Each structure stands twice: as structure tokens, then as C-alpha cells.
Amino acid sequence: MNIRFACCVCEHPGRLDVPGPREWQCPRCDHWVRLTSGTGEGPLQTCCVCGNGELYKKKDFPHWLGLTILAAACVAFFVLNGLYHQWWAWGVLLGSALFDGLLYVCVKAAVVCYRCGAHYRGFPSISEHKPFDLLIAERYRQEKIRREQLQAAKKT
């Protein structure tokens, strides 16, 4: 089980393996991130980095790889179809769809925090972990913007 997150001060990426150390020092700004409770063997109820209770689950698969497979299959389809190899073209297209479905079944889920974006791999998800909700994500995005505006106003 591991946790991937960003430093709350400078956004430098960090990673901790659980069980293991419960503290992480940012190499860029020397800020200490201390994990809260919830890194045990049970299901994850709250974010260990920021303490937020709103988490979502997603497939732990790099989106760029999925889009690259799709784009390569589409290009191969059009090239083969243009060369009048229609059976090969459809075979490539359907084969890529089958491969994508196989990846979807085989890849495990990760739990992600809406507020800080921490990714939890290897933690068991529970029924409260719903798929991504744009409304909740937008609320936290707006909260981050307001916080940055307040910090900028305090500096001036």
C-alpha cells in the first residue's frame, strides 16, 4: 500500500509506503507532512494527508496510455481501411476494444482525495467511495482558488 501526494506548501510530489514512516519532509521547502490516522489495514475513511472525508475511487491506470492505445488503433484502422484491408482494419479496431476491456477488468482501483489529490493504492475501498463527482470536485477547486486569493491579499 502506498500514498502519493503533493506538498501542501510548494506542490512538490511525495510518496510514502504504508506501513512505514508516518512523516514526510519535503526536499524542496522542508515542510513536514504528518499522516493522520487511517493508514491501518482497514478501509480508508478519511484522507491521511489532509483529513478530508470526501474520497472517490477510480481505476489506477494512466489515462495517457489508454488514449495512446485508442489513437493508435484509430490510425491503424484508417490506414488499413485506406489500403483496402477492411478485415484487418476491423480486426485491429475490435482487438483494441477487447484489449481495453481486459485492462479495465484487470486494473485495480485507487482511492483519491478531492481536496488534496492524494492517491491511495492498495487500500480496500468501501461502498462510500463513489466514482468521481464533478460537483464535489468543483466545490474543492473553488475553495482552493479562494484560499489562494486570500493568501495573495494578505501579502499585499
Foldseek 3Di string as FASTA:
>chain_A
DKKWFAPPPPRHIDMDDPPDDQWDADPPPRDIFGFDPQRDQAARQAGRGPRHRAKAKDFPDDPVVLVVLVVVLVVQLVVCVVVVNNVVNVVSNVVSVVVVVVCVVPTDMWMADLQGGMIHPPGDHDPSHHHDDVVSNVVNVVVVVVVVVVVVVVVD
